[in-house]
Amino acid sequence: MTKRVGSLLAMCLLAVSASAQSSGAEMKQDDSMKHDQMKSDQMKDSSKKKAKKAKKDQMKKDDNMKHDNMKDAVKNDDMKKN
């Protein structure tokens, strides 16, 4: 009887440890998937930031060109008046 209980306990212990190992492997896989997802999210964010910066720089450039054109127009008006 004692041998049966001992062997039953041993089997239960083996089953629990095997279950823990498989869930540990799943957790590692989930962690690596999360890491990959975070990495891709960071890449997307950086590309979005670059696009925004490029657009902002282009807007500044356009604004500066308009400002320069207005200066030239004022100079031409002043020259015509003189």
Protein backbone atom coordinates (compact mmCIF):
# COMPACT_ATOMS: atom_id res chain seq x y z
CA MET A 1 0.00 0.00 0.00
CA THR A 2 2.80 2.41 0.89
CA LYS A 3 4.56 1.61 -2.37
CA ARG A 4 1.41 2.42 -4.32
CA VAL A 5 0.99 5.76 -2.60
CA GLY A 6 4.66 6.55 -3.13
CA SER A 7 4.53 5.67 -6.83
CA LEU A 8 1.30 7.68 -7.22
CA LEU A 9 2.92 10.69 -5.57
CA ALA A 10 6.00 10.31 -7.78
CA MET A 11 3.84 10.24 -10.92
CA CYS A 12 1.92 13.31 -9.79
CA LEU A 13 5.17 15.13 -9.10
CA LEU A 14 6.50 14.23 -12.55
CA ALA A 15 3.27 15.36 -14.20
CA VAL A 16 3.34 18.69 -12.37
CA SER A 17 6.99 19.34 -13.24
CA ALA A 18 6.41 18.46 -16.91
CA SER A 19 3.43 20.80 -16.97
CA ALA A 20 5.50 23.59 -15.40
CA GLN A 21 8.25 23.13 -17.98
CA SER A 22 5.85 23.32 -20.90
CA SER A 23 4.17 26.42 -19.53
CA GLY A 24 7.61 27.95 -18.95
CA ALA A 25 8.48 27.39 -22.60
CA GLU A 26 5.19 29.02 -23.62
CA MET A 27 5.98 31.98 -21.40
CA LYS A 28 9.39 32.35 -23.04
CA GLN A 29 7.76 32.21 -26.45
CA ASP A 30 5.19 34.82 -25.38
CA ASP A 31 7.98 37.04 -24.06
CA SER A 32 9.89 36.80 -27.33
CA MET A 33 6.72 37.56 -29.29
CA LYS A 34 6.06 40.60 -27.09
CA HIS A 35 9.66 41.72 -27.58
CA ASP A 36 9.34 41.36 -31.36
CA GLN A 37 6.06 43.25 -31.31
CA MET A 38 7.55 46.05 -29.21
CA LYS A 39 10.50 46.24 -31.59
CA SER A 40 8.21 46.55 -34.62
CA ASP A 41 6.11 49.16 -32.80
CA GLN A 42 9.25 51.17 -32.08
CA MET A 43 10.25 50.95 -35.73
CA LYS A 44 6.80 52.14 -36.79
CA ASP A 45 6.95 55.00 -34.30
CA SER A 46 10.39 56.06 -35.48
CA SER A 47 9.27 56.00 -39.12
CA LYS A 48 6.21 58.07 -38.20
CA LYS A 49 8.42 60.54 -36.35
CA LYS A 50 10.75 60.79 -39.33
CA ALA A 51 7.81 61.41 -41.65
CA LYS A 52 6.43 64.10 -39.35
CA LYS A 53 9.84 65.74 -39.11
CA ALA A 54 10.28 65.70 -42.87
CA LYS A 55 6.83 67.21 -43.34
CA LYS A 56 7.55 69.86 -40.73
CA ASP A 57 10.89 70.69 -42.36
CA GLN A 58 9.20 70.97 -45.75
CA MET A 59 6.57 73.29 -44.28
CA LYS A 60 9.30 75.47 -42.77
CA LYS A 61 11.10 75.55 -46.10
CA ASP A 62 7.90 76.53 -47.91
CA ASP A 63 7.17 79.17 -45.29
CA ASN A 64 10.67 80.61 -45.63
CA MET A 65 10.32 80.71 -49.40
CA LYS A 66 7.01 82.59 -49.10
CA HIS A 67 8.60 85.00 -46.65
CA ASP A 68 11.54 85.59 -49.01
CA ASN A 69 9.14 86.16 -51.92
CA MET A 70 7.24 88.73 -49.88
CA LYS A 71 10.50 90.52 -49.05
CA ASP A 72 11.39 90.59 -52.75
CA ALA A 73 7.95 91.95 -53.62
CA VAL A 74 8.31 94.72 -51.02
CA LYS A 75 11.76 95.59 -52.39
CA ASN A 76 10.37 95.75 -55.93
CA ASP A 77 7.53 98.00 -54.77
CA ASP A 78 10.00 100.30 -53.01
CA MET A 79 12.18 100.43 -56.11
CA LYS A 80 9.18 101.25 -58.32
CA LYS A 81 8.13 104.06 -56.00
CA ASN A 82 11.59 105.69 -56.12
